[in-house]
Structures are given as structure tokens and as C-alpha cells.
Protein backbone atom coordinates (compact mmCIF):
# COMPACT_ATOMS: atom_id res chain seq x y z
CA UNK A 1 -0.12 -86.34 -42.13
CA UNK A 2 0.97 -89.13 -39.94
CA UNK A 3 0.60 -89.29 -36.14
CA UNK A 4 4.33 -88.76 -35.53
CA UNK A 5 4.23 -85.24 -37.03
CA UNK A 6 0.96 -84.14 -35.37
CA UNK A 7 2.07 -84.60 -31.72
CA UNK A 8 5.01 -82.17 -31.88
CA UNK A 9 2.70 -79.66 -33.59
CA UNK A 10 0.03 -80.05 -30.87
CA UNK A 11 2.71 -79.89 -28.17
CA UNK A 12 4.11 -76.61 -29.55
CA UNK A 13 0.61 -75.10 -29.97
CA UNK A 14 -0.26 -75.96 -26.35
CA UNK A 15 2.98 -74.44 -25.07
CA UNK A 16 2.36 -71.22 -27.03
CA UNK A 17 -1.26 -71.06 -25.79
CA UNK A 18 -0.23 -71.72 -22.20
CA UNK A 19 2.47 -69.01 -22.41
CA UNK A 20 -0.05 -66.51 -23.80
CA UNK A 21 -2.52 -67.41 -21.04
CA UNK A 22 0.12 -66.93 -18.33
CA UNK A 23 1.22 -63.59 -19.84
CA UNK A 24 -2.40 -62.41 -20.04
CA UNK A 25 -3.13 -63.36 -16.43
CA UNK A 26 0.09 -61.66 -15.24
CA UNK A 27 -0.77 -58.50 -17.12
CA UNK A 28 -4.31 -58.50 -15.74
CA UNK A 29 -3.09 -59.03 -12.14
CA UNK A 30 -0.46 -56.29 -12.36
CA UNK A 31 -3.08 -53.90 -13.77
CA UNK A 32 -5.44 -54.72 -10.88
CA UNK A 33 -2.79 -53.91 -8.24
CA UNK A 34 -1.65 -50.57 -9.69
CA UNK A 35 -3.70 -47.47 -8.98
CA UNK A 36 -5.30 -45.79 -11.94
CA UNK A 37 -2.83 -43.53 -13.66
CA UNK A 38 -4.34 -40.13 -13.92
CA UNK A 39 -2.58 -36.82 -14.14
CA UNK A 40 0.18 -36.63 -11.53
CA UNK A 41 -0.64 -33.90 -9.02
CA UNK A 42 1.77 -31.01 -9.06
CA UNK A 43 3.18 -30.69 -5.55
CA UNK A 44 4.22 -27.09 -6.14
CA UNK A 45 0.63 -26.13 -6.99
CA UNK A 46 -0.61 -27.84 -3.84
CA UNK A 47 1.89 -25.92 -1.70
CA UNK A 48 0.90 -22.59 -3.28
CA UNK A 49 -2.79 -23.39 -2.72
CA UNK A 50 -2.11 -24.20 0.95
CA UNK A 51 -0.19 -20.95 1.36
CA UNK A 52 -3.03 -19.02 -0.25
CA UNK A 53 -5.49 -20.61 2.14
CA UNK A 54 -3.33 -19.81 5.17
CA UNK A 55 -2.95 -16.20 4.14
CA UNK A 56 -6.68 -15.98 3.49
CA UNK A 57 -7.25 -17.05 7.09
CA UNK A 58 -4.81 -14.41 8.31
CA UNK A 59 -6.68 -11.75 6.37
CA UNK A 60 -10.05 -12.91 7.70
CA UNK A 61 -8.91 -12.85 11.32
CA UNK A 62 -7.13 -9.53 10.83
CA UNK A 63 -10.38 -8.07 9.48
CA UNK A 64 -12.19 -9.18 12.64
CA UNK A 65 -9.37 -7.85 14.81
CA UNK A 66 -9.25 -4.46 13.10
CA UNK A 67 -13.02 -4.06 13.26
CA UNK A 68 -13.03 -4.71 16.99
CA UNK A 69 -10.10 -2.37 17.64
CA UNK A 70 -11.69 0.40 15.58
CA UNK A 71 -14.90 -0.12 17.52
CA UNK A 72 -12.94 0.21 20.78
CA UNK A 73 -11.46 3.54 19.68
CA UNK A 74 -14.94 4.85 18.88
CA UNK A 75 -16.47 3.85 22.22
CA UNK A 76 -13.46 4.51 24.45
CA UNK A 77 -14.24 3.77 28.09
CA UNK A 78 -17.85 2.89 27.24
CA UNK A 79 -16.77 -0.18 25.25
CA UNK A 80 -18.44 -3.29 26.72
CA UNK A 81 -16.20 -5.83 28.50
CA UNK A 82 -17.73 -8.65 26.42
CA UNK A 83 -16.37 -7.05 23.28
CA UNK A 84 -12.96 -6.74 24.95
CA UNK A 85 -13.05 -10.50 25.67
CA UNK A 86 -13.97 -11.14 22.04
CA UNK A 87 -11.02 -9.02 20.95
CA UNK A 88 -8.70 -11.01 23.22
CA UNK A 89 -9.92 -14.23 21.61
CA UNK A 90 -9.47 -12.86 18.08
CA UNK A 91 -6.03 -11.56 19.05
CA UNK A 92 -5.03 -15.10 20.12
CA UNK A 93 -6.34 -16.46 16.82
CA UNK A 94 -4.30 -13.87 14.95
CA UNK A 95 -1.13 -14.87 16.81
CA UNK A 96 -1.77 -18.51 15.85
CA UNK A 97 -2.26 -17.53 12.22
CA UNK A 98 1.02 -15.61 12.32
CA UNK A 99 2.70 -18.91 13.12
CA UNK A 100 1.16 -20.36 9.98
CA UNK A 101 2.28 -17.29 8.06
CA UNK A 102 5.86 -17.92 9.20
CA UNK A 103 5.50 -21.49 7.92
CA UNK A 104 4.23 -20.15 4.61
CA UNK A 105 7.27 -17.88 4.37
CA UNK A 106 9.50 -20.91 4.96
CA UNK A 107 7.75 -22.86 2.23
CA UNK A 108 8.13 -19.99 -0.20
CA UNK A 109 11.85 -19.78 0.51
CA UNK A 110 12.11 -23.54 0.05
CA UNK A 111 10.48 -23.16 -3.37
CA UNK A 112 12.87 -20.33 -4.26
CA UNK A 113 10.06 -17.78 -4.37
CA UNK A 114 11.96 -14.89 -2.80
CA UNK A 115 9.73 -12.11 -4.16
CA UNK A 116 6.63 -13.82 -2.79
CA UNK A 117 8.29 -14.43 0.58
CA UNK A 118 9.44 -10.81 0.83
CA UNK A 119 5.99 -9.48 0.00
CA UNK A 120 4.41 -11.84 2.53
CA UNK A 121 6.93 -10.77 5.18
CA UNK A 122 6.12 -7.11 4.50
CA UNK A 123 2.40 -7.89 4.71
CA UNK A 124 2.89 -9.50 8.11
CA UNK A 125 5.08 -6.63 9.29
CA UNK A 126 2.37 -4.12 8.32
CA UNK A 127 -0.19 -6.06 10.32
CA UNK A 128 2.19 -6.10 13.30
CA UNK A 129 2.71 -2.34 12.89
CA UNK A 130 -1.07 -1.84 12.82
CA UNK A 131 -1.39 -3.79 16.08
CA UNK A 132 1.23 -1.55 17.72
CA UNK A 133 -0.41 1.67 16.54
CA UNK A 134 -4.10 0.82 16.93
CA UNK A 135 -5.06 -0.69 20.26
CA UNK A 136 -7.79 -0.68 22.86
CA UNK A 137 -7.84 2.55 24.79
CA UNK A 138 -5.93 4.64 22.29
CA UNK A 139 -7.90 7.80 21.74
CA UNK A 140 -5.37 10.02 19.94
CA UNK A 141 -5.64 8.22 16.58
CA UNK A 142 -8.26 9.21 14.03
CA UNK A 143 -10.34 6.83 11.98
CA UNK A 144 -8.75 8.29 8.85
CA UNK A 145 -5.31 7.28 10.14
CA UNK A 146 -6.61 3.81 10.90
CA UNK A 147 -8.18 3.53 7.45
CA UNK A 148 -4.87 4.55 5.86
CA UNK A 149 -2.99 1.91 7.85
CA UNK A 150 -5.51 -0.72 6.76
CA UNK A 151 -5.25 0.46 3.15
CA UNK A 152 -1.47 -0.03 3.23
CA UNK A 153 -2.01 -3.58 4.51
CA UNK A 154 -4.58 -4.34 1.84
CA UNK A 155 -2.23 -3.06 -0.88
CA UNK A 156 0.50 -5.44 0.29
CA UNK A 157 -2.01 -8.27 0.41
CA UNK A 158 -3.10 -7.49 -3.14
CA UNK A 159 0.52 -7.34 -4.30
CA UNK A 160 1.20 -10.73 -2.70
CA UNK A 161 -1.81 -12.30 -4.39
CA UNK A 162 -0.91 -10.74 -7.75
CA UNK A 163 2.52 -12.38 -7.66
CA UNK A 164 1.07 -15.65 -6.33
CA UNK A 165 -1.58 -15.70 -9.03
CA UNK A 166 1.02 -15.14 -11.73
CA UNK A 167 3.16 -18.03 -10.41
CA UNK A 168 0.11 -20.25 -10.09
CA UNK A 169 -1.05 -19.52 -13.65
CA UNK A 170 2.43 -20.30 -15.03
CA UNK A 171 2.42 -23.65 -13.23
CA UNK A 172 -1.02 -24.49 -14.56
CA UNK A 173 0.12 -23.77 -18.10
CA UNK A 174 3.20 -25.98 -17.76
């Protein structure tokens, strides 16, 4: 081979090598800048989990509230003022959680989950009804009546979580 034919061959080989090097560096740099691609989080699942957490808080605070109110009906006028102050604090917490519950209802409607929203609304209404019927100083209500009111609330809570669990499971399977 003479020198005239080797230079164009070397020139072409260098251009191909340089192009491959530039492409490799570009690919490496773009890979470094992009976050790792894992499974994309399902926003709908996250919203349902947040709603579940909010409703769990409502239930926890309602349990404290109902225990204190039941205690007040047992003791009547002998109920210590410190416990009354504790009830006032828990009552304020419950009102704040009701605001979150209203937000959860809005989110459910936004997601098109009308059955869940309706069940949640009924659950909240039952708690509100309980608060109107069982209060400090009321002596004409029996513990059996109070237990029945609480049982109705717990049934609605269970119904809500049954529907929520079903929706959640379907989303996990998808």
C-alpha cells in the first residue's frame, strides 16, 4: 500500500473513533444528570394513604374524646376540673381533625370516589351526632346507649376502610 492511500484511511478511522468517543461521553453525561429510573410512584395510592392516615387520626382522637365524655357521665358533678380541661383540649383537636376530614372528602370527590366520600361523610356525621347526644353533664343517657352510638360509628368506620382497602388493592394490582 502506498502512502497516498493510507492517510485517507487513517483520517476516516480517527473521525469514526472521535465520533464514538463524543457519543460515549454525551451518553455518560446525560445518564449522570438523570435521576435513577425506578418504579414511578402512583399518585392515587399516595392520596389514598394520606386519607387513611387522616381518618386514623380522627378515630384516635374520637376514641379519647368518647372515653372522657363517658367518664364525665359516670362521675357527674364529681368529675375533676382537670379532666374537663383535658376534654376541652381533645375537643379542639377533634375539630381540627374534622377540617382534615373535610379535605379528605374533597380529595375523594376529586378522584371520583363517590362511595368512599359518602361513607366518610356519614362517618363524620355520626361522630357529630355522638357529640350532640353525649356531653359533659348529661345524666339521662345510659352507658348502653352510648355504647350503641359508638358501635354505629365503628361500623361506618369499618365500612369506609373496607371500601378503601378494596380500592387500594385494585390499584396495587394494576
